C-alpha atoms as a PDB file:
ATOM      1  CA  MET A   1      28.533  -0.165  15.878  1.00  0.00           C
ATOM      2  CA  LEU A   2      26.093  -2.881  14.910  1.00  0.00           C
ATOM      3  CA  ILE A   3      25.146  -3.802  18.492  1.00  0.00           C
ATOM      4  CA  LEU A   4      24.562   0.121  19.165  1.00  0.00           C
ATOM      5  CA  SER A   5      22.564   0.474  15.752  1.00  0.00           C
ATOM      6  CA  GLY A   6      20.461  -2.568  16.919  1.00  0.00           C
ATOM      7  CA  PHE A   7      19.928  -1.075  20.335  1.00  0.00           C
ATOM      8  CA  LEU A   8      18.752   2.416  19.202  1.00  0.00           C
ATOM      9  CA  THR A   9      16.515   0.537  16.485  1.00  0.00           C
ATOM     10  CA  GLY A  10      14.970  -1.998  19.050  1.00  0.00           C
ATOM     11  CA  LEU A  11      14.334   1.288  21.612  1.00  0.00           C
ATOM     12  CA  LEU A  12      12.338   3.059  18.657  1.00  0.00           C
ATOM     13  CA  VAL A  13      10.736  -0.206  18.091  1.00  0.00           C
ATOM     14  CA  GLY A  14       9.439  -0.737  21.652  1.00  0.00           C
ATOM     15  CA  LEU A  15       8.499   3.085  21.811  1.00  0.00           C
ATOM     16  CA  THR A  16       6.718   3.461  18.353  1.00  0.00           C
ATOM     17  CA  GLY A  17       6.369  -0.071  16.710  1.00  0.00           C
ATOM     18  CA  VAL A  18       8.208   1.673  13.776  1.00  0.00           C
ATOM     19  CA  GLY A  19      11.990   1.178  12.877  1.00  0.00           C
ATOM     20  CA  GLY A  20      12.551  -2.469  12.578  1.00  0.00           C
ATOM     21  CA  GLY A  21      12.460  -2.094   8.806  1.00  0.00           C
ATOM     22  CA  ALA A  22      12.202   1.341   7.783  1.00  0.00           C
ATOM     23  CA  LEU A  23      15.391   2.415   9.769  1.00  0.00           C
ATOM     24  CA  MET A  24      17.271  -0.656  10.239  1.00  0.00           C
ATOM     25  CA  THR A  25      17.518  -1.763   6.366  1.00  0.00           C
ATOM     26  CA  PRO A  26      18.689   1.791   5.440  1.00  0.00           C
ATOM     27  CA  ILE A  27      21.411   1.816   8.035  1.00  0.00           C
ATOM     28  CA  LEU A  28      22.878  -1.631   6.915  1.00  0.00           C
ATOM     29  CA  LEU A  29      22.731  -0.120   3.426  1.00  0.00           C
ATOM     30  CA  ILE A  30      23.960   3.433   4.224  1.00  0.00           C
ATOM     31  CA  PHE A  31      26.656   2.811   6.980  1.00  0.00           C
ATOM     32  CA  PHE A  32      27.917  -0.928   6.841  1.00  0.00           C
ATOM     33  CA  GLY A  33      27.665  -1.396   3.125  1.00  0.00           C
ATOM     34  CA  PHE A  34      25.384  -4.715   2.970  1.00  0.00           C
ATOM     35  CA  ALA A  35      23.799  -5.737  -0.422  1.00  0.00           C
ATOM     36  CA  PRO A  36      19.962  -4.876  -0.188  1.00  0.00           C
ATOM     37  CA  THR A  37      18.890  -8.666  -0.460  1.00  0.00           C
ATOM     38  CA  THR A  38      21.244  -9.274   2.406  1.00  0.00           C
ATOM     39  CA  ALA A  39      20.040  -6.386   4.383  1.00  0.00           C
ATOM     40  CA  ILE A  40      16.225  -7.303   3.805  1.00  0.00           C
ATOM     41  CA  GLY A  41      16.558 -10.888   4.533  1.00  0.00           C
ATOM     42  CA  THR A  42      18.764 -10.438   7.802  1.00  0.00           C
ATOM     43  CA  ASP A  43      16.234  -7.312   8.787  1.00  0.00           C
ATOM     44  CA  LEU A  44      13.057  -9.352   8.747  1.00  0.00           C
ATOM     45  CA  PHE A  45      14.435 -11.861  11.276  1.00  0.00           C
ATOM     46  CA  PHE A  46      15.750  -8.878  13.160  1.00  0.00           C
ATOM     47  CA  ALA A  47      12.435  -7.185  13.432  1.00  0.00           C
ATOM     48  CA  ALA A  48      10.622 -10.481  14.081  1.00  0.00           C
ATOM     49  CA  PHE A  49      13.041 -11.203  17.152  1.00  0.00           C
ATOM     50  CA  THR A  50      12.897  -7.550  18.412  1.00  0.00           C
ATOM     51  CA  LYS A  51       9.201  -7.086  18.029  1.00  0.00           C
ATOM     52  CA  ILE A  52       8.635 -10.682  19.822  1.00  0.00           C
ATOM     53  CA  VAL A  53      10.498  -8.964  23.141  1.00  0.00           C
ATOM     54  CA  ALA A  54       8.323  -5.510  22.747  1.00  0.00           C
ATOM     55  CA  GLY A  55       5.243  -7.415  22.143  1.00  0.00           C
ATOM     56  CA  GLY A  56       5.481  -9.828  25.242  1.00  0.00           C
ATOM     57  CA  VAL A  57       5.642  -6.683  27.440  1.00  0.00           C
ATOM     58  CA  HIS A  58       2.712  -5.233  25.446  1.00  0.00           C
ATOM     59  CA  HIS A  59       1.129  -8.838  25.752  1.00  0.00           C
ATOM     60  CA  ALA A  60       1.388  -8.833  29.560  1.00  0.00           C
ATOM     61  CA  SER A  61      -0.332  -5.077  29.856  1.00  0.00           C
ATOM     62  CA  GLY A  62      -3.317  -6.532  28.022  1.00  0.00           C
ATOM     63  CA  LEU A  63      -3.111  -4.076  25.279  1.00  0.00           C
ATOM     64  CA  ILE A  64      -3.272  -6.522  22.040  1.00  0.00           C
ATOM     65  CA  ASP A  65      -6.488  -6.711  20.193  1.00  0.00           C
ATOM     66  CA  TRP A  66      -6.702 -10.347  18.652  1.00  0.00           C
ATOM     67  CA  GLN A  67      -9.688  -9.986  16.334  1.00  0.00           C
ATOM     68  CA  VAL A  68      -8.019  -6.892  14.499  1.00  0.00           C
ATOM     69  CA  LEU A  69      -4.682  -9.208  14.222  1.00  0.00           C
ATOM     70  CA  LYS A  70      -6.494 -12.154  12.751  1.00  0.00           C
ATOM     71  CA  ARG A  71      -8.127 -10.000   9.832  1.00  0.00           C
ATOM     72  CA  MET A  72      -4.515  -8.584   9.276  1.00  0.00           C
ATOM     73  CA  TRP A  73      -2.887 -11.617   9.090  1.00  0.00           C
ATOM     74  CA  LEU A  74      -5.698 -13.326   6.724  1.00  0.00           C
ATOM     75  CA  GLY A  75      -4.200 -10.899   4.156  1.00  0.00           C
ATOM     76  CA  SER A  76      -0.476 -10.476   4.930  1.00  0.00           C
ATOM     77  CA  LEU A  77       0.599 -14.008   5.495  1.00  0.00           C
ATOM     78  CA  PRO A  78      -0.699 -15.292   2.045  1.00  0.00           C
ATOM     79  CA  ALA A  79       0.335 -12.354   0.426  1.00  0.00           C
ATOM     80  CA  SER A  80       3.907 -12.926   1.786  1.00  0.00           C
ATOM     81  CA  GLY A  81       3.922 -16.631   0.554  1.00  0.00           C
ATOM     82  CA  LEU A  82       2.753 -15.468  -2.808  1.00  0.00           C
ATOM     83  CA  THR A  83       5.590 -12.846  -3.145  1.00  0.00           C
ATOM     84  CA  ILE A  84       8.415 -15.069  -1.869  1.00  0.00           C
ATOM     85  CA  PHE A  85       7.244 -17.290  -4.699  1.00  0.00           C
ATOM     86  CA  LEU A  86       7.833 -14.570  -7.073  1.00  0.00           C
ATOM     87  CA  ILE A  87      11.098 -13.833  -5.694  1.00  0.00           C
ATOM     88  CA  LYS A  88      12.730 -16.975  -6.341  1.00  0.00           C
ATOM     89  CA  ASP A  89      11.837 -17.096  -9.929  1.00  0.00           C
ATOM     90  CA  PHE A  90      12.813 -13.317 -10.332  1.00  0.00           C
ATOM     91  CA  ASP A  91      16.047 -13.153  -7.773  1.00  0.00           C
ATOM     92  CA  GLY A  92      18.148 -11.615 -10.347  1.00  0.00           C
ATOM     93  CA  LEU A  93      15.793  -8.358 -10.360  1.00  0.00           C
ATOM     94  CA  LEU A  94      16.442  -7.992  -6.489  1.00  0.00           C
ATOM     95  CA  GLN A  95      20.216  -7.329  -7.034  1.00  0.00           C
ATOM     96  CA  THR A  96      19.616  -4.203  -9.054  1.00  0.00           C
ATOM     97  CA  ASP A  97      19.635  -0.438  -7.795  1.00  0.00           C
ATOM     98  CA  LEU A  98      15.895  -0.454  -8.448  1.00  0.00           C
ATOM     99  CA  LEU A  99      15.494  -2.332  -4.971  1.00  0.00           C
ATOM    100  CA  LYS A 100      17.445   0.311  -3.084  1.00  0.00           C
ATOM    101  CA  ASP A 101      15.411   3.073  -4.681  1.00  0.00           C
ATOM    102  CA  ALA A 102      12.121   1.367  -3.614  1.00  0.00           C
ATOM    103  CA  ILE A 103      13.520   1.209  -0.103  1.00  0.00           C
ATOM    104  CA  ALA A 104      14.277   4.760  -0.304  1.00  0.00           C
ATOM    105  CA  TYR A 105      10.832   5.657  -1.619  1.00  0.00           C
ATOM    106  CA  LEU A 106       9.075   3.519   1.250  1.00  0.00           C
ATOM    107  CA  VAL A 107      11.119   5.137   3.845  1.00  0.00           C
ATOM    108  CA  VAL A 108       9.595   8.581   2.862  1.00  0.00           C
ATOM    109  CA  LEU A 109       6.098   6.987   2.520  1.00  0.00           C
ATOM    110  CA  THR A 110       6.811   5.876   5.956  1.00  0.00           C
ATOM    111  CA  ALA A 111       7.904   8.984   7.253  1.00  0.00           C
ATOM    112  CA  LEU A 112       4.475  10.519   5.703  1.00  0.00           C
ATOM    113  CA  GLY A 113       2.399   7.940   7.249  1.00  0.00           C
ATOM    114  CA  ILE A 114       3.763   8.972  10.741  1.00  0.00           C
ATOM    115  CA  LEU A 115       3.067  12.557   9.896  1.00  0.00           C
ATOM    116  CA  LEU A 116      -0.300  12.443   8.875  1.00  0.00           C
ATOM    117  CA  GLN A 117      -1.504   9.394  11.222  1.00  0.00           C
ATOM    118  CA  GLY A 118      -3.537  11.892  13.448  1.00  0.00           C
ATOM    119  CA  HIS A 119      -5.431  13.515  10.555  1.00  0.00           C
ATOM    120  CA  LEU A 120      -6.103   9.933   9.085  1.00  0.00           C
ATOM    121  CA  GLN A 121      -7.475   9.072  12.536  1.00  0.00           C
ATOM    122  CA  ARG A 122      -9.821  12.114  12.658  1.00  0.00           C
ATOM    123  CA  LEU A 123     -10.795  11.166   9.035  1.00  0.00           C
ATOM    124  CA  GLY A 124     -11.613   7.685  10.058  1.00  0.00           C
ATOM    125  CA  LYS A 125     -13.381   8.897  13.149  1.00  0.00           C
ATOM    126  CA  LYS A 126     -15.508  11.288  11.143  1.00  0.00           C
ATOM    127  CA  PHE A 127     -16.641   8.289   8.837  1.00  0.00           C
ATOM    128  CA  ARG A 128     -17.032   6.108  11.627  1.00  0.00           C
ATOM    129  CA  ILE A 129     -19.492   8.356  13.512  1.00  0.00           C
ATOM    130  CA  ASN A 130     -21.424   9.921  10.663  1.00  0.00           C
ATOM    131  CA  ASP A 131     -21.839   6.531   8.700  1.00  0.00           C
ATOM    132  CA  HIS A 132     -21.633   3.735  11.318  1.00  0.00           C
ATOM    133  CA  GLU A 133     -23.116   0.734   9.109  1.00  0.00           C
ATOM    134  CA  SER A 134     -21.368   1.307   6.103  1.00  0.00           C
ATOM    135  CA  PHE A 135     -17.925   1.800   7.992  1.00  0.00           C
ATOM    136  CA  LYS A 136     -18.618  -1.422   9.805  1.00  0.00           C
ATOM    137  CA  TYR A 137     -19.562  -3.240   6.671  1.00  0.00           C
ATOM    138  CA  PHE A 138     -16.325  -2.347   5.163  1.00  0.00           C
ATOM    139  CA  GLN A 139     -13.960  -2.782   7.942  1.00  0.00           C
ATOM    140  CA  PRO A 140     -13.141  -6.255   7.829  1.00  0.00           C
ATOM    141  CA  PRO A 141     -12.538  -6.518   4.003  1.00  0.00           C
ATOM    142  CA  LEU A 142     -10.585  -3.428   4.057  1.00  0.00           C
ATOM    143  CA  THR A 143      -8.268  -4.653   7.044  1.00  0.00           C
ATOM    144  CA  VAL A 144      -7.578  -7.757   5.083  1.00  0.00           C
ATOM    145  CA  MET A 145      -6.541  -5.933   2.059  1.00  0.00           C
ATOM    146  CA  ALA A 146      -4.264  -3.632   4.100  1.00  0.00           C
ATOM    147  CA  GLY A 147      -2.723  -7.004   5.738  1.00  0.00           C
ATOM    148  CA  ALA A 148      -2.174  -8.055   2.255  1.00  0.00           C
ATOM    149  CA  LEU A 149      -0.631  -4.861   0.878  1.00  0.00           C
ATOM    150  CA  LEU A 150       1.546  -5.205   3.758  1.00  0.00           C
ATOM    151  CA  GLY A 151       2.713  -8.700   3.343  1.00  0.00           C
ATOM    152  CA  VAL A 152       3.847  -7.767  -0.287  1.00  0.00           C
ATOM    153  CA  LEU A 153       5.882  -4.513   0.828  1.00  0.00           C
ATOM    154  CA  VAL A 154       7.209  -6.269   4.094  1.00  0.00           C
ATOM    155  CA  THR A 155       8.285  -9.182   2.143  1.00  0.00           C
ATOM    156  CA  LEU A 156      10.208  -7.442  -0.970  1.00  0.00           C
ATOM    157  CA  THR A 157      11.619  -4.533   1.364  1.00  0.00           C
ATOM    158  CA  SER A 158      11.285  -5.505   5.111  1.00  0.00           C
ATOM    159  CA  ILE A 159       9.612  -2.019   5.547  1.00  0.00           C
ATOM    160  CA  GLY A 160       5.789  -1.180   6.056  1.00  0.00           C
ATOM    161  CA  ALA A 161       4.693  -3.526   9.045  1.00  0.00           C
ATOM    162  CA  GLY A 162       5.474  -0.842  11.721  1.00  0.00           C
ATOM    163  CA  ALA A 163       4.632   2.874  10.194  1.00  0.00           C
ATOM    164  CA  LEU A 164       2.333   1.981   7.322  1.00  0.00           C
ATOM    165  CA  GLY A 165       0.584  -0.808   9.349  1.00  0.00           C
ATOM    166  CA  ALA A 166      -0.407   1.974  11.989  1.00  0.00           C
ATOM    167  CA  VAL A 167      -1.615   3.983   9.633  1.00  0.00           C
ATOM    168  CA  PHE A 168      -4.143   1.623   8.251  1.00  0.00           C
ATOM    169  CA  LEU A 169      -5.138   0.556  11.641  1.00  0.00           C
ATOM    170  CA  THR A 170      -5.469   4.275  12.699  1.00  0.00           C
ATOM    171  CA  TYR A 171      -7.949   5.021  10.006  1.00  0.00           C
ATOM    172  CA  LEU A 172      -9.976   1.567  10.210  1.00  0.00           C
ATOM    173  CA  TYR A 173     -10.340   1.282  13.968  1.00  0.00           C
ATOM    174  CA  PRO A 174     -10.233   5.174  15.183  1.00  0.00           C
ATOM    175  CA  LEU A 175     -12.391   4.583  18.344  1.00  0.00           C
ATOM    176  CA  ARG A 176     -11.089   0.793  19.110  1.00  0.00           C
ATOM    177  CA  LEU A 177      -7.402   1.319  19.226  1.00  0.00           C
ATOM    178  CA  HIS A 178      -6.251   3.944  21.232  1.00  0.00           C
ATOM    179  CA  PRO A 179      -2.338   4.997  20.830  1.00  0.00           C
ATOM    180  CA  ALA A 180      -0.929   2.363  23.421  1.00  0.00           C
ATOM    181  CA  ARG A 181      -3.391  -0.402  22.121  1.00  0.00           C
ATOM    182  CA  LEU A 182      -2.581   0.611  18.408  1.00  0.00           C
ATOM    183  CA  VAL A 183       1.510   0.152  18.790  1.00  0.00           C
ATOM    184  CA  ALA A 184       0.839  -3.378  20.696  1.00  0.00           C
ATOM    185  CA  THR A 185      -1.557  -4.300  17.974  1.00  0.00           C
ATOM    186  CA  ASP A 186       0.664  -3.321  15.357  1.00  0.00           C
ATOM    187  CA  ILE A 187       3.961  -4.548  16.852  1.00  0.00           C
ATOM    188  CA  VAL A 188       2.240  -8.246  17.270  1.00  0.00           C
ATOM    189  CA  HIS A 189       0.892  -8.120  13.497  1.00  0.00           C
ATOM    190  CA  ALA A 190       4.706  -8.021  12.257  1.00  0.00           C
ATOM    191  CA  ILE A 191       6.116 -10.930  14.279  1.00  0.00           C
ATOM    192  CA  PRO A 192       4.662 -13.504  12.417  1.00  0.00           C
ATOM    193  CA  LEU A 193       4.502 -11.753   9.005  1.00  0.00           C
ATOM    194  CA  ALA A 194       8.624 -10.874   9.409  1.00  0.00           C
ATOM    195  CA  LEU A 195       9.163 -14.582  10.530  1.00  0.00           C
ATOM    196  CA  PHE A 196       7.201 -15.871   7.395  1.00  0.00           C
ATOM    197  CA  ALA A 197       8.979 -13.759   4.922  1.00  0.00           C
ATOM    198  CA  GLY A 198      12.348 -13.934   6.810  1.00  0.00           C
ATOM    199  CA  LEU A 199      11.929 -17.744   6.400  1.00  0.00           C
ATOM    200  CA  GLY A 200      11.398 -17.089   2.597  1.00  0.00           C
ATOM    201  CA  HIS A 201      14.311 -14.921   2.134  1.00  0.00           C
ATOM    202  CA  LEU A 202      16.469 -17.896   4.309  1.00  0.00           C
ATOM    203  CA  LEU A 203      15.374 -20.530   1.768  1.00  0.00           C
ATOM    204  CA  ILE A 204      17.144 -18.173  -0.958  1.00  0.00           C
ATOM    205  CA  GLY A 205      20.239 -17.337   0.731  1.00  0.00           C
ATOM    206  CA  HIS A 206      19.423 -13.714   1.643  1.00  0.00           C
ATOM    207  CA  VAL A 207      20.065 -14.209   5.614  1.00  0.00           C
ATOM    208  CA  ASP A 208      23.568 -13.255   7.282  1.00  0.00           C
ATOM    209  CA  PHE A 209      23.422 -15.048  11.014  1.00  0.00           C
ATOM    210  CA  LEU A 210      26.580 -13.164  12.252  1.00  0.00           C
ATOM    211  CA  LEU A 211      24.929  -9.743  11.359  1.00  0.00           C
ATOM    212  CA  LEU A 212      21.560 -10.851  12.925  1.00  0.00           C
ATOM    213  CA  GLY A 213      23.548 -12.178  16.109  1.00  0.00           C
ATOM    214  CA  ALA A 214      25.321  -8.696  16.351  1.00  0.00           C
ATOM    215  CA  LEU A 215      21.973  -6.430  15.824  1.00  0.00           C
ATOM    216  CA  LEU A 216      19.774  -8.756  18.541  1.00  0.00           C
ATOM    217  CA  LEU A 217      22.633  -8.284  21.133  1.00  0.00           C
ATOM    218  CA  GLY A 218      21.421  -4.448  21.081  1.00  0.00           C
ATOM    219  CA  SER A 219      17.886  -4.608  20.039  1.00  0.00           C
ATOM    220  CA  VAL A 220      16.681  -7.200  22.648  1.00  0.00           C
ATOM    221  CA  PRO A 221      17.118  -4.976  25.777  1.00  0.00           C
ATOM    222  CA  GLY A 222      16.412  -2.088  23.657  1.00  0.00           C
ATOM    223  CA  ALA A 223      13.063  -3.114  22.597  1.00  0.00           C
ATOM    224  CA  TYR A 224      12.242  -4.039  26.327  1.00  0.00           C
ATOM    225  CA  ILE A 225      13.227  -0.740  27.838  1.00  0.00           C
ATOM    226  CA  GLY A 226      11.259   1.025  24.724  1.00  0.00           C
ATOM    227  CA  ALA A 227       8.194  -0.775  25.419  1.00  0.00           C
ATOM    228  CA  ARG A 228       8.291  -0.372  29.029  1.00  0.00           C
ATOM    229  CA  LEU A 229       8.663   3.509  28.481  1.00  0.00           C
ATOM    230  CA  SER A 230       6.088   3.490  25.616  1.00  0.00           C
ATOM    231  CA  SER A 231       2.950   4.799  27.743  1.00  0.00           C
ATOM    232  CA  SER A 232       5.097   7.250  29.805  1.00  0.00           C
ATOM    233  CA  LEU A 233       6.916   9.241  27.207  1.00  0.00           C
ATOM    234  CA  PRO A 234       5.651  11.624  24.753  1.00  0.00           C
ATOM    235  CA  SER A 235       5.006   9.454  21.651  1.00  0.00           C
ATOM    236  CA  LYS A 236       3.948  12.638  19.348  1.00  0.00           C
ATOM    237  CA  SER A 237       7.320  14.050  19.958  1.00  0.00           C
ATOM    238  CA  ILE A 238       9.308  10.836  19.401  1.00  0.00           C
ATOM    239  CA  LYS A 239       7.397   9.953  16.345  1.00  0.00           C
ATOM    240  CA  LEU A 240       8.141  13.588  14.750  1.00  0.00           C
ATOM    241  CA  ILE A 241      11.768  12.983  15.221  1.00  0.00           C
ATOM    242  CA  LEU A 242      11.634   9.602  13.969  1.00  0.00           C
ATOM    243  CA  ALA A 243       9.760  10.825  10.757  1.00  0.00           C
ATOM    244  CA  LEU A 244      12.334  13.602  10.312  1.00  0.00           C
ATOM    245  CA  VAL A 245      15.219  10.900  10.339  1.00  0.00           C
ATOM    246  CA  LEU A 246      13.346   8.806   8.239  1.00  0.00           C
ATOM    247  CA  ILE A 247      13.311  11.694   5.737  1.00  0.00           C
ATOM    248  CA  ILE A 248      16.934  12.401   5.998  1.00  0.00           C
ATOM    249  CA  VAL A 249      17.843   8.645   5.489  1.00  0.00           C
ATOM    250  CA  SER A 250      15.837   8.131   2.695  1.00  0.00           C
ATOM    251  CA  MET A 251      17.411  11.341   0.743  1.00  0.00           C
ATOM    252  CA  LYS A 252      20.887   9.693   1.711  1.00  0.00           C
ATOM    253  CA  LEU A 253      19.637   6.443  -0.031  1.00  0.00           C
ATOM    254  CA  LEU A 254      18.916   7.847  -3.127  1.00  0.00           C
ATOM    255  CA  LEU A 255      22.306   9.774  -3.407  1.00  0.00           C
ATOM    256  CA  ILE A 256      24.431   6.881  -2.696  1.00  0.00           C
END
């Protein structure tokens, strides 16, 4: 069941860039009963290795925007390091139900981000066209700030790098990042961020390597298949289904 869960999640990651944290962490909590800290720490490595496979396929297709990535990493990696530093001093707080509830609310936010992505792109495009100079002026610092917010969220909960990252990039780069390029750039941004945050959790003792191995047995082929199919399948329909699944999962998390 762990291998199957890894495969299905990897498939979604390859198709949409979403699911590494928003889906896998709740699955580990709800269906397999892992502690939140173990689920988060293990899922960060799971997401990183899964997205390496998907990112490699997208890189071979020349879809990654490296300038946008550098801006995102400038915010996300330092923010992740600072968050890890704080986690070491307040590790006891992460053992409470507060963390589980925070994961549930972030999953809901992820689902809403997926549903509103098209609207935000139209809003960003309108701003980009009507106020070109202001938009270009604020674009780099806002990208760094978006990265910093993702760095905190991903390090604390393993959630956010996929859907929320895509939402930020959709608004900030409405003309530059077409759907396939957006997915590819969003996936690659998450790789060093998840690895960096995962190493921090590893030092604290939050990673289960047997669990990680089982998940990767499924997710690696799943991510490869998903990335290969990403340009040929109807992404809107897939994202709508994924958003509905995430809402159901978040409700379940709040009830356990």
